[in-house]
All heavy atoms as atom14 arrays in JSON, in Angstrom:
{
  "sequence": "IIRLTTEAVKKIGYVGAGTLEFLLDREGNFWFMEMNVRLQVEHSVTEM",
  "atom14_mask": [
    [1, 1, 1, 1, 1, 1, 1, 1, 0, 0, 0, 0, 0, 0],
    [1, 1, 1, 1, 1, 1, 1, 1, 0, 0, 0, 0, 0, 0],
    [1, 1, 1, 1, 1, 1, 1, 1, 1, 1, 1, 0, 0, 0],
    [1, 1, 1, 1, 1, 1, 1, 1, 0, 0, 0, 0, 0, 0],
    [1, 1, 1, 1, 1, 1, 1, 0, 0, 0, 0, 0, 0, 0],
    [1, 1, 1, 1, 1, 1, 1, 0, 0, 0, 0, 0, 0, 0],
    [1, 1, 1, 1, 1, 1, 1, 1, 1, 0, 0, 0, 0, 0],
    [1, 1, 1, 1, 1, 0, 0, 0, 0, 0, 0, 0, 0, 0],
    [1, 1, 1, 1, 1, 1, 1, 0, 0, 0, 0, 0, 0, 0],
    [1, 1, 1, 1, 1, 1, 1, 1, 1, 0, 0, 0, 0, 0],
    [1, 1, 1, 1, 1, 1, 1, 1, 1, 0, 0, 0, 0, 0],
    [1, 1, 1, 1, 1, 1, 1, 1, 0, 0, 0, 0, 0, 0],
    [1, 1, 1, 1, 0, 0, 0, 0, 0, 0, 0, 0, 0, 0],
    [1, 1, 1, 1, 1, 1, 1, 1, 1, 1, 1, 1, 0, 0],
    [1, 1, 1, 1, 1, 1, 1, 0, 0, 0, 0, 0, 0, 0],
    [1, 1, 1, 1, 0, 0, 0, 0, 0, 0, 0, 0, 0, 0],
    [1, 1, 1, 1, 1, 0, 0, 0, 0, 0, 0, 0, 0, 0],
    [1, 1, 1, 1, 0, 0, 0, 0, 0, 0, 0, 0, 0, 0],
    [1, 1, 1, 1, 1, 1, 1, 0, 0, 0, 0, 0, 0, 0],
    [1, 1, 1, 1, 1, 1, 1, 1, 0, 0, 0, 0, 0, 0],
    [1, 1, 1, 1, 1, 1, 1, 1, 1, 0, 0, 0, 0, 0],
    [1, 1, 1, 1, 1, 1, 1, 1, 1, 1, 1, 0, 0, 0],
    [1, 1, 1, 1, 1, 1, 1, 1, 0, 0, 0, 0, 0, 0],
    [1, 1, 1, 1, 1, 1, 1, 1, 0, 0, 0, 0, 0, 0],
    [1, 1, 1, 1, 1, 1, 1, 1, 0, 0, 0, 0, 0, 0],
    [1, 1, 1, 1, 1, 1, 1, 1, 1, 1, 1, 0, 0, 0],
    [1, 1, 1, 1, 1, 1, 1, 1, 1, 0, 0, 0, 0, 0],
    [1, 1, 1, 1, 0, 0, 0, 0, 0, 0, 0, 0, 0, 0],
    [1, 1, 1, 1, 1, 1, 1, 1, 0, 0, 0, 0, 0, 0],
    [1, 1, 1, 1, 1, 1, 1, 1, 1, 1, 1, 0, 0, 0],
    [1, 1, 1, 1, 1, 1, 1, 1, 1, 1, 1, 1, 1, 1],
    [1, 1, 1, 1, 1, 1, 1, 1, 1, 1, 1, 0, 0, 0],
    [1, 1, 1, 1, 1, 1, 1, 1, 0, 0, 0, 0, 0, 0],
    [1, 1, 1, 1, 1, 1, 1, 1, 1, 0, 0, 0, 0, 0],
    [1, 1, 1, 1, 1, 1, 1, 1, 0, 0, 0, 0, 0, 0],
    [1, 1, 1, 1, 1, 1, 1, 1, 0, 0, 0, 0, 0, 0],
    [1, 1, 1, 1, 1, 1, 1, 0, 0, 0, 0, 0, 0, 0],
    [1, 1, 1, 1, 1, 1, 1, 1, 1, 1, 1, 0, 0, 0],
    [1, 1, 1, 1, 1, 1, 1, 1, 0, 0, 0, 0, 0, 0],
    [1, 1, 1, 1, 1, 1, 1, 1, 1, 0, 0, 0, 0, 0],
    [1, 1, 1, 1, 1, 1, 1, 0, 0, 0, 0, 0, 0, 0],
    [1, 1, 1, 1, 1, 1, 1, 1, 1, 0, 0, 0, 0, 0],
    [1, 1, 1, 1, 1, 1, 1, 1, 1, 1, 0, 0, 0, 0],
    [1, 1, 1, 1, 1, 1, 0, 0, 0, 0, 0, 0, 0, 0],
    [1, 1, 1, 1, 1, 1, 1, 0, 0, 0, 0, 0, 0, 0],
    [1, 1, 1, 1, 1, 1, 1, 0, 0, 0, 0, 0, 0, 0],
    [1, 1, 1, 1, 1, 1, 1, 1, 1, 0, 0, 0, 0, 0],
    [1, 1, 1, 1, 1, 1, 1, 1, 0, 0, 0, 0, 0, 0]
  ],
  "atom14_positions": [
    [[0.84, -1.2, 0.0], [0.0, 0.0, 0.0], [0.87, 1.26, 0.0], [0.5, 2.27, -0.6], [-1.0, 0.0, 1.2], [-2.05, 1.1, 1.01], [-0.27, 0.15, 2.52], [-2.91, 0.96, -0.22], [0.0, 0.0, 0.0], [0.0, 0.0, 0.0], [0.0, 0.0, 0.0], [0.0, 0.0, 0.0], [0.0, 0.0, 0.0], [0.0, 0.0, 0.0]],
    [[2.05, 1.19, 0.6], [2.98, 2.32, 0.53], [3.44, 2.53, -0.91], [3.5, 3.67, -1.41], [4.18, 2.09, 1.47], [3.76, 2.34, 2.93], [5.36, 3.0, 1.09], [4.84, 2.03, 3.94], [0.0, 0.0, 0.0], [0.0, 0.0, 0.0], [0.0, 0.0, 0.0], [0.0, 0.0, 0.0], [0.0, 0.0, 0.0], [0.0, 0.0, 0.0]],
    [[3.75, 1.45, -1.61], [4.18, 1.55, -3.01], [3.07, 2.17, -3.87], [3.32, 3.1, -4.65], [4.55, 0.17, -3.54], [5.04, 0.18, -4.99], [5.27, -1.24, -5.5], [4.02, -1.96, -5.68], [3.21, -1.82, -6.73], [3.51, -0.96, -7.7], [2.1, -2.53, -6.82], [0.0, 0.0, 0.0], [0.0, 0.0, 0.0], [0.0, 0.0, 0.0]],
    [[1.85, 1.66, -3.72], [0.74, 2.16, -4.52], [0.43, 3.62, -4.21], [0.15, 4.42, -5.12], [-0.51, 1.29, -4.27], [-0.48, -0.12, -4.84], [-1.68, -0.92, -4.32], [-0.47, -0.09, -6.36], [0.0, 0.0, 0.0], [0.0, 0.0, 0.0], [0.0, 0.0, 0.0], [0.0, 0.0, 0.0], [0.0, 0.0, 0.0], [0.0, 0.0, 0.0]],
    [[0.48, 3.98, -2.93], [0.19, 5.35, -2.52], [1.22, 6.33, -3.07], [0.88, 7.4, -3.59], [0.13, 5.45, -0.99], [-0.92, 4.62, -0.51], [-0.13, 6.87, -0.54], [0.0, 0.0, 0.0], [0.0, 0.0, 0.0], [0.0, 0.0, 0.0], [0.0, 0.0, 0.0], [0.0, 0.0, 0.0], [0.0, 0.0, 0.0], [0.0, 0.0, 0.0]],
    [[2.49, 5.96, -2.97], [3.56, 6.82, -3.47], [3.45, 7.02, -4.97], [3.6, 8.14, -5.49], [4.93, 6.23, -3.11], [4.99, 5.97, -1.7], [6.06, 7.18, -3.47], [0.0, 0.0, 0.0], [0.0, 0.0, 0.0], [0.0, 0.0, 0.0], [0.0, 0.0, 0.0], [0.0, 0.0, 0.0], [0.0, 0.0, 0.0], [0.0, 0.0, 0.0]],
    [[3.17, 5.93, -5.7], [3.02, 6.04, -7.15], [1.82, 6.91, -7.51], [1.87, 7.69, -8.47], [2.87, 4.64, -7.75], [4.16, 3.82, -7.72], [3.98, 2.44, -8.31], [2.84, 2.1, -8.72], [4.97, 1.68, -8.35], [0.0, 0.0, 0.0], [0.0, 0.0, 0.0], [0.0, 0.0, 0.0], [0.0, 0.0, 0.0], [0.0, 0.0, 0.0]],
    [[0.73, 6.77, -6.75], [-0.47, 7.56, -7.01], [-0.19, 9.05, -6.84], [-0.63, 9.88, -7.66], [-1.6, 7.13, -6.08], [0.0, 0.0, 0.0], [0.0, 0.0, 0.0], [0.0, 0.0, 0.0], [0.0, 0.0, 0.0], [0.0, 0.0, 0.0], [0.0, 0.0, 0.0], [0.0, 0.0, 0.0], [0.0, 0.0, 0.0], [0.0, 0.0, 0.0]],
    [[0.54, 9.4, -5.81], [0.86, 10.81, -5.54], [1.7, 11.39, -6.68], [1.48, 12.53, -7.11], [1.59, 10.93, -4.19], [2.21, 12.32, -4.02], [0.64, 10.64, -3.05], [0.0, 0.0, 0.0], [0.0, 0.0, 0.0], [0.0, 0.0, 0.0], [0.0, 0.0, 0.0], [0.0, 0.0, 0.0], [0.0, 0.0, 0.0], [0.0, 0.0, 0.0]],
    [[2.63, 10.61, -7.19], [3.45, 11.07, -8.31], [2.6, 11.25, -9.56], [2.76, 12.23, -10.3], [4.57, 10.06, -8.58], [5.65, 10.02, -7.5], [6.71, 8.99, -7.84], [7.8, 8.92, -6.79], [8.82, 7.9, -7.1], [0.0, 0.0, 0.0], [0.0, 0.0, 0.0], [0.0, 0.0, 0.0], [0.0, 0.0, 0.0], [0.0, 0.0, 0.0]],
    [[1.67, 10.33, -9.8], [0.85, 10.4, -11.01], [-0.07, 11.61, -11.03], [-0.31, 12.2, -12.08], [0.03, 9.11, -11.14], [0.84, 7.9, -11.6], [-0.03, 6.66, -11.7], [0.79, 5.46, -12.14], [-0.04, 4.22, -12.2], [0.0, 0.0, 0.0], [0.0, 0.0, 0.0], [0.0, 0.0, 0.0], [0.0, 0.0, 0.0], [0.0, 0.0, 0.0]],
    [[-0.58, 11.98, -9.86], [-1.49, 13.13, -9.83], [-0.73, 14.45, -9.69], [-1.33, 15.52, -9.69], [-2.55, 13.0, -8.72], [-1.9, 12.99, -7.33], [-3.39, 11.75, -8.92], [-2.91, 12.94, -6.19], [0.0, 0.0, 0.0], [0.0, 0.0, 0.0], [0.0, 0.0, 0.0], [0.0, 0.0, 0.0], [0.0, 0.0, 0.0], [0.0, 0.0, 0.0]],
    [[0.59, 14.37, -9.55], [1.42, 15.58, -9.53], [1.3, 16.41, -8.28], [1.47, 17.64, -8.32], [0.0, 0.0, 0.0], [0.0, 0.0, 0.0], [0.0, 0.0, 0.0], [0.0, 0.0, 0.0], [0.0, 0.0, 0.0], [0.0, 0.0, 0.0], [0.0, 0.0, 0.0], [0.0, 0.0, 0.0], [0.0, 0.0, 0.0], [0.0, 0.0, 0.0]],
    [[1.07, 15.76, -7.15], [0.9, 16.52, -5.91], [2.25, 16.97, -5.36], [3.25, 16.25, -5.45], [0.19, 15.65, -4.87], [-0.11, 16.39, -3.59], [-1.13, 17.33, -3.54], [0.64, 16.18, -2.44], [-1.4, 18.03, -2.37], [0.38, 16.86, -1.27], [-0.64, 17.79, -1.24], [-0.9, 18.48, -0.08], [0.0, 0.0, 0.0], [0.0, 0.0, 0.0]],
    [[2.26, 18.17, -4.75], [3.46, 18.71, -4.11], [3.1, 19.2, -2.72], [2.17, 19.99, -2.55], [4.07, 19.88, -4.93], [5.23, 20.52, -4.18], [4.52, 19.39, -6.31], [0.0, 0.0, 0.0], [0.0, 0.0, 0.0], [0.0, 0.0, 0.0], [0.0, 0.0, 0.0], [0.0, 0.0, 0.0], [0.0, 0.0, 0.0], [0.0, 0.0, 0.0]],
    [[3.86, 18.74, -1.7], [3.64, 19.16, -0.32], [3.42, 17.98, 0.59], [3.68, 16.83, 0.24], [0.0, 0.0, 0.0], [0.0, 0.0, 0.0], [0.0, 0.0, 0.0], [0.0, 0.0, 0.0], [0.0, 0.0, 0.0], [0.0, 0.0, 0.0], [0.0, 0.0, 0.0], [0.0, 0.0, 0.0], [0.0, 0.0, 0.0], [0.0, 0.0, 0.0]],
    [[2.91, 18.27, 1.78], [2.51, 17.22, 2.72], [1.04, 16.92, 2.48], [0.23, 17.83, 2.27], [2.72, 17.68, 4.16], [0.0, 0.0, 0.0], [0.0, 0.0, 0.0], [0.0, 0.0, 0.0], [0.0, 0.0, 0.0], [0.0, 0.0, 0.0], [0.0, 0.0, 0.0], [0.0, 0.0, 0.0], [0.0, 0.0, 0.0], [0.0, 0.0, 0.0]],
    [[0.7, 15.66, 2.49], [-0.69, 15.27, 2.26], [-0.98, 13.92, 2.87], [-0.07, 13.19, 3.28], [0.0, 0.0, 0.0], [0.0, 0.0, 0.0], [0.0, 0.0, 0.0], [0.0, 0.0, 0.0], [0.0, 0.0, 0.0], [0.0, 0.0, 0.0], [0.0, 0.0, 0.0], [0.0, 0.0, 0.0], [0.0, 0.0, 0.0], [0.0, 0.0, 0.0]],
    [[-2.26, 13.59, 2.93], [-2.68, 12.33, 3.53], [-3.75, 11.69, 2.67], [-4.74, 12.33, 2.32], [-3.25, 12.56, 4.94], [-2.28, 13.23, 5.73], [-3.59, 11.24, 5.6], [0.0, 0.0, 0.0], [0.0, 0.0, 0.0], [0.0, 0.0, 0.0], [0.0, 0.0, 0.0], [0.0, 0.0, 0.0], [0.0, 0.0, 0.0], [0.0, 0.0, 0.0]],
    [[-3.55, 10.42, 2.33], [-4.55, 9.65, 1.61], [-5.27, 8.76, 2.62], [-4.63, 8.02, 3.37], [-3.92, 8.81, 0.5], [-3.55, 9.57, -0.77], [-2.26, 10.36, -0.57], [-3.4, 8.62, -1.95], [0.0, 0.0, 0.0], [0.0, 0.0, 0.0], [0.0, 0.0, 0.0], [0.0, 0.0, 0.0], [0.0, 0.0, 0.0], [0.0, 0.0, 0.0]],
    [[-6.59, 8.84, 2.64], [-7.39, 8.13, 3.63], [-8.12, 6.95, 3.0], [-8.67, 7.06, 1.9], [-8.38, 9.09, 4.29], [-7.69, 10.29, 4.94], [-8.55, 10.98, 5.98], [-9.7, 10.54, 6.19], [-8.06, 11.95, 6.58], [0.0, 0.0, 0.0], [0.0, 0.0, 0.0], [0.0, 0.0, 0.0], [0.0, 0.0, 0.0], [0.0, 0.0, 0.0]],
    [[-8.13, 5.84, 3.74], [-8.71, 4.6, 3.25], [-9.6, 3.97, 4.31], [-9.43, 4.21, 5.52], [-7.61, 3.57, 2.92], [-6.65, 3.98, 1.85], [-5.56, 4.8, 2.16], [-6.82, 3.56, 0.54], [-4.66, 5.17, 1.17], [-5.92, 3.93, -0.44], [-4.84, 4.74, -0.13], [0.0, 0.0, 0.0], [0.0, 0.0, 0.0], [0.0, 0.0, 0.0]],
    [[-10.52, 3.14, 3.87], [-11.2, 2.19, 4.73], [-10.56, 0.83, 4.48], [-10.36, 0.44, 3.33], [-12.7, 2.13, 4.44], [-13.51, 3.35, 4.85], [-14.97, 3.17, 4.46], [-13.4, 3.64, 6.35], [0.0, 0.0, 0.0], [0.0, 0.0, 0.0], [0.0, 0.0, 0.0], [0.0, 0.0, 0.0], [0.0, 0.0, 0.0], [0.0, 0.0, 0.0]],
    [[-10.24, 0.12, 5.54], [-9.65, -1.22, 5.46], [-10.7, -2.2, 5.94], [-11.09, -2.2, 7.11], [-8.4, -1.3, 6.34], [-7.72, -2.66, 6.44], [-7.17, -3.11, 5.08], [-6.59, -2.62, 7.48], [0.0, 0.0, 0.0], [0.0, 0.0, 0.0], [0.0, 0.0, 0.0], [0.0, 0.0, 0.0], [0.0, 0.0, 0.0], [0.0, 0.0, 0.0]],
    [[-11.21, -3.05, 5.02], [-12.25, -3.99, 5.41], [-11.66, -5.24, 6.04], [-10.43, -5.41, 6.11], [-13.19, -4.31, 4.24], [-12.51, -5.09, 3.11], [-11.51, -5.78, 3.37], [-12.99, -5.0, 1.96], [0.0, 0.0, 0.0], [0.0, 0.0, 0.0], [0.0, 0.0, 0.0], [0.0, 0.0, 0.0], [0.0, 0.0, 0.0], [0.0, 0.0, 0.0]],
    [[-12.52, -6.14, 6.5], [-12.06, -7.32, 7.23], [-11.34, -8.34, 6.35], [-10.69, -9.25, 6.83], [-13.25, -7.98, 7.94], [-13.72, -7.16, 9.14], [-14.73, -7.88, 9.97], [-15.05, -7.13, 11.18], [-15.97, -7.48, 12.05], [-16.7, -8.58, 11.85], [-16.19, -6.75, 13.14], [0.0, 0.0, 0.0], [0.0, 0.0, 0.0], [0.0, 0.0, 0.0]],
    [[-11.5, -8.17, 5.03], [-10.78, -9.06, 4.1], [-9.4, -8.49, 3.75], [-8.66, -9.09, 2.96], [-11.59, -9.24, 2.82], [-12.79, -10.18, 2.95], [-13.89, -9.58, 3.8], [-14.29, -8.42, 3.54], [-14.34, -10.27, 4.75], [0.0, 0.0, 0.0], [0.0, 0.0, 0.0], [0.0, 0.0, 0.0], [0.0, 0.0, 0.0], [0.0, 0.0, 0.0]],
    [[-9.06, -7.35, 4.33], [-7.75, -6.76, 4.08], [-7.68, -5.89, 2.85], [-6.59, -5.56, 2.38], [0.0, 0.0, 0.0], [0.0, 0.0, 0.0], [0.0, 0.0, 0.0], [0.0, 0.0, 0.0], [0.0, 0.0, 0.0], [0.0, 0.0, 0.0], [0.0, 0.0, 0.0], [0.0, 0.0, 0.0], [0.0, 0.0, 0.0], [0.0, 0.0, 0.0]],
    [[-8.84, -5.47, 2.33], [-8.88, -4.61, 1.14], [-8.85, -3.14, 1.54], [-9.58, -2.73, 2.44], [-10.15, -4.88, 0.33], [-10.25, -6.32, -0.13], [-9.33, -6.84, -0.75], [-11.36, -6.97, 0.17], [0.0, 0.0, 0.0], [0.0, 0.0, 0.0], [0.0, 0.0, 0.0], [0.0, 0.0, 0.0], [0.0, 0.0, 0.0], [0.0, 0.0, 0.0]],
    [[-8.02, -2.37, 0.86], [-7.96, -0.93, 1.06], [-8.89, -0.23, 0.06], [-8.76, -0.43, -1.15], [-6.54, -0.39, 0.86], [-5.62, -0.65, 2.02], [-4.84, -1.79, 2.06], [-5.53, 0.26, 3.06], [-3.98, -2.03, 3.13], [-4.68, 0.04, 4.13], [-3.9, -1.11, 4.16], [0.0, 0.0, 0.0], [0.0, 0.0, 0.0], [0.0, 0.0, 0.0]],
    [[-9.8, 0.6, 0.58], [-10.72, 1.36, -0.24], [-10.42, 2.85, -0.08], [-10.61, 3.41, 1.01], [-12.17, 1.07, 0.16], [-12.58, -0.36, -0.01], [-12.45, -1.37, 0.89], [-13.21, -0.92, -1.17], [-12.95, -2.53, 0.39], [-13.43, -2.3, -0.87], [-13.62, -0.42, -2.4], [-14.03, -3.16, -1.79], [-14.21, -1.26, -3.31], [-14.4, -2.61, -3.0]],
    [[-9.96, 3.49, -1.15], [-9.62, 4.91, -1.07], [-10.88, 5.74, -0.83], [-11.89, 5.59, -1.51], [-8.93, 5.37, -2.35], [-8.67, 6.85, -2.38], [-7.59, 7.39, -1.69], [-9.52, 7.71, -3.06], [-7.35, 8.76, -1.7], [-9.3, 9.08, -3.08], [-8.21, 9.6, -2.4], [0.0, 0.0, 0.0], [0.0, 0.0, 0.0], [0.0, 0.0, 0.0]],
    [[-10.79, 6.69, 0.12], [-11.9, 7.6, 0.43], [-11.65, 9.02, -0.05], [-12.42, 9.6, -0.79], [-12.14, 7.65, 1.95], [-12.76, 6.43, 2.55], [-13.31, 6.8, 4.24], [-11.76, 7.18, 5.07], [0.0, 0.0, 0.0], [0.0, 0.0, 0.0], [0.0, 0.0, 0.0], [0.0, 0.0, 0.0], [0.0, 0.0, 0.0], [0.0, 0.0, 0.0]],
    [[-10.53, 9.61, 0.42], [-10.28, 11.02, 0.14], [-8.83, 11.36, 0.42], [-8.08, 10.55, 0.98], [-11.18, 11.91, 1.01], [-10.95, 11.75, 2.51], [-11.98, 12.48, 3.35], [-13.16, 12.12, 3.25], [-11.59, 13.41, 4.07], [0.0, 0.0, 0.0], [0.0, 0.0, 0.0], [0.0, 0.0, 0.0], [0.0, 0.0, 0.0], [0.0, 0.0, 0.0]],
    [[-8.44, 12.57, 0.04], [-7.09, 13.05, 0.3], [-7.17, 14.4, 0.98], [-7.94, 15.28, 0.57], [-6.3, 13.18, -1.01], [-4.87, 13.65, -0.83], [-3.96, 13.65, -2.39], [-2.34, 14.23, -1.82], [0.0, 0.0, 0.0], [0.0, 0.0, 0.0], [0.0, 0.0, 0.0], [0.0, 0.0, 0.0], [0.0, 0.0, 0.0], [0.0, 0.0, 0.0]],
    [[-6.38, 14.58, 2.02], [-6.29, 15.86, 2.72], [-5.02, 16.56, 2.26], [-3.91, 16.05, 2.43], [-6.27, 15.66, 4.23], [-7.63, 15.29, 4.76], [-8.6, 16.03, 4.6], [-7.74, 14.13, 5.38], [0.0, 0.0, 0.0], [0.0, 0.0, 0.0], [0.0, 0.0, 0.0], [0.0, 0.0, 0.0], [0.0, 0.0, 0.0], [0.0, 0.0, 0.0]],
    [[-5.2, 17.75, 1.68], [-4.08, 18.47, 1.09], [-3.54, 19.51, 2.08], [-3.4, 20.69, 1.76], [-4.49, 19.11, -0.25], [-4.78, 18.05, -1.28], [-5.73, 20.02, -0.08], [0.0, 0.0, 0.0], [0.0, 0.0, 0.0], [0.0, 0.0, 0.0], [0.0, 0.0, 0.0], [0.0, 0.0, 0.0], [0.0, 0.0, 0.0], [0.0, 0.0, 0.0]],
    [[-3.21, 19.04, 3.25], [-2.73, 19.92, 4.32], [-2.05, 19.07, 5.38], [-1.98, 17.85, 5.27], [-3.92, 20.65, 4.95], [-5.0, 19.7, 5.47], [-6.08, 20.39, 6.28], [-7.22, 19.54, 6.53], [-7.29, 18.59, 7.45], [-6.24, 18.34, 8.23], [-8.39, 17.88, 7.63], [0.0, 0.0, 0.0], [0.0, 0.0, 0.0], [0.0, 0.0, 0.0]],
    [[-1.57, 19.73, 6.4], [-1.04, 19.04, 7.57], [-2.21, 18.5, 8.39], [-3.19, 19.2, 8.61], [-0.22, 20.02, 8.42], [0.64, 19.44, 9.52], [1.81, 18.67, 8.94], [1.15, 20.57, 10.43], [0.0, 0.0, 0.0], [0.0, 0.0, 0.0], [0.0, 0.0, 0.0], [0.0, 0.0, 0.0], [0.0, 0.0, 0.0], [0.0, 0.0, 0.0]],
    [[-2.11, 17.24, 8.82], [-3.15, 16.65, 9.64], [-2.93, 16.98, 11.13], [-1.78, 17.14, 11.57], [-3.16, 15.13, 9.49], [-3.53, 14.64, 8.11], [-5.03, 14.67, 7.88], [-5.54, 15.65, 7.36], [-5.72, 13.62, 8.25], [0.0, 0.0, 0.0], [0.0, 0.0, 0.0], [0.0, 0.0, 0.0], [0.0, 0.0, 0.0], [0.0, 0.0, 0.0]],
    [[-4.0, 17.03, 11.88], [-3.88, 17.2, 13.33], [-2.95, 16.13, 13.89], [-2.08, 16.39, 14.73], [-5.27, 17.09, 14.01], [-5.13, 17.2, 15.53], [-6.21, 18.16, 13.48], [0.0, 0.0, 0.0], [0.0, 0.0, 0.0], [0.0, 0.0, 0.0], [0.0, 0.0, 0.0], [0.0, 0.0, 0.0], [0.0, 0.0, 0.0], [0.0, 0.0, 0.0]],
    [[-3.11, 14.9, 13.39], [-2.39, 13.75, 13.94], [-1.01, 13.53, 13.36], [-0.43, 12.44, 13.49], [-3.24, 12.49, 13.77], [-3.64, 12.15, 12.35], [-4.92, 12.81, 11.91], [-5.34, 13.83, 12.5], [-5.51, 12.33, 10.93], [0.0, 0.0, 0.0], [0.0, 0.0, 0.0], [0.0, 0.0, 0.0], [0.0, 0.0, 0.0], [0.0, 0.0, 0.0]],
    [[-0.43, 14.56, 12.73], [0.91, 14.4, 12.15], [1.95, 14.05, 13.2], [2.96, 13.41, 12.9], [1.33, 15.68, 11.43], [1.69, 16.81, 12.34], [0.76, 17.65, 12.9], [2.9, 17.22, 12.82], [1.38, 18.54, 13.66], [2.67, 18.3, 13.64], [0.0, 0.0, 0.0], [0.0, 0.0, 0.0], [0.0, 0.0, 0.0], [0.0, 0.0, 0.0]],
    [[1.71, 14.43, 14.45], [2.7, 14.25, 15.52], [3.03, 12.78, 15.75], [4.19, 12.44, 16.06], [2.17, 14.85, 16.83], [1.74, 16.18, 16.64], [0.0, 0.0, 0.0], [0.0, 0.0, 0.0], [0.0, 0.0, 0.0], [0.0, 0.0, 0.0], [0.0, 0.0, 0.0], [0.0, 0.0, 0.0], [0.0, 0.0, 0.0], [0.0, 0.0, 0.0]],
    [[2.05, 11.9, 15.61], [2.31, 10.48, 15.89], [3.21, 9.88, 14.82], [4.04, 9.01, 15.11], [0.97, 9.7, 16.04], [0.28, 9.49, 14.71], [1.19, 8.38, 16.76], [0.0, 0.0, 0.0], [0.0, 0.0, 0.0], [0.0, 0.0, 0.0], [0.0, 0.0, 0.0], [0.0, 0.0, 0.0], [0.0, 0.0, 0.0], [0.0, 0.0, 0.0]],
    [[3.1, 10.36, 13.59], [3.99, 9.91, 12.52], [5.4, 10.43, 12.75], [6.38, 9.72, 12.54], [3.46, 10.39, 11.15], [2.21, 9.73, 10.89], [4.43, 10.07, 10.03], [0.0, 0.0, 0.0], [0.0, 0.0, 0.0], [0.0, 0.0, 0.0], [0.0, 0.0, 0.0], [0.0, 0.0, 0.0], [0.0, 0.0, 0.0], [0.0, 0.0, 0.0]],
    [[5.51, 11.67, 13.19], [6.83, 12.22, 13.52], [7.51, 11.42, 14.62], [8.71, 11.17, 14.57], [6.69, 13.68, 13.95], [6.26, 14.62, 12.84], [6.14, 16.05, 13.3], [5.78, 16.27, 14.48], [6.38, 16.96, 12.49], [0.0, 0.0, 0.0], [0.0, 0.0, 0.0], [0.0, 0.0, 0.0], [0.0, 0.0, 0.0], [0.0, 0.0, 0.0]],
    [[6.72, 11.01, 15.61], [7.28, 10.26, 16.73], [7.84, 8.92, 16.27], [8.88, 8.46, 16.75], [6.22, 10.06, 17.8], [6.74, 9.49, 19.1], [7.81, 10.65, 20.0], [6.67, 11.26, 21.24], [0.0, 0.0, 0.0], [0.0, 0.0, 0.0], [0.0, 0.0, 0.0], [0.0, 0.0, 0.0], [0.0, 0.0, 0.0], [0.0, 0.0, 0.0]]
  ]
}
C-alpha cells in the first residue's frame, strides 16, 4: 500500500505534505476515500 500510494501521488502531480485516507475492510482490502491536502492534526504520531 505504501508503493501504490507513493506512485499515485506522483501520477497526480501533488506537491507538499498530504494524507490519503482509506477504509480497510475485514478481508484486508484498502478502499480509497479522500485526500487531505494539508497538515493533519495527527501528524505528531507519525513524527514520533
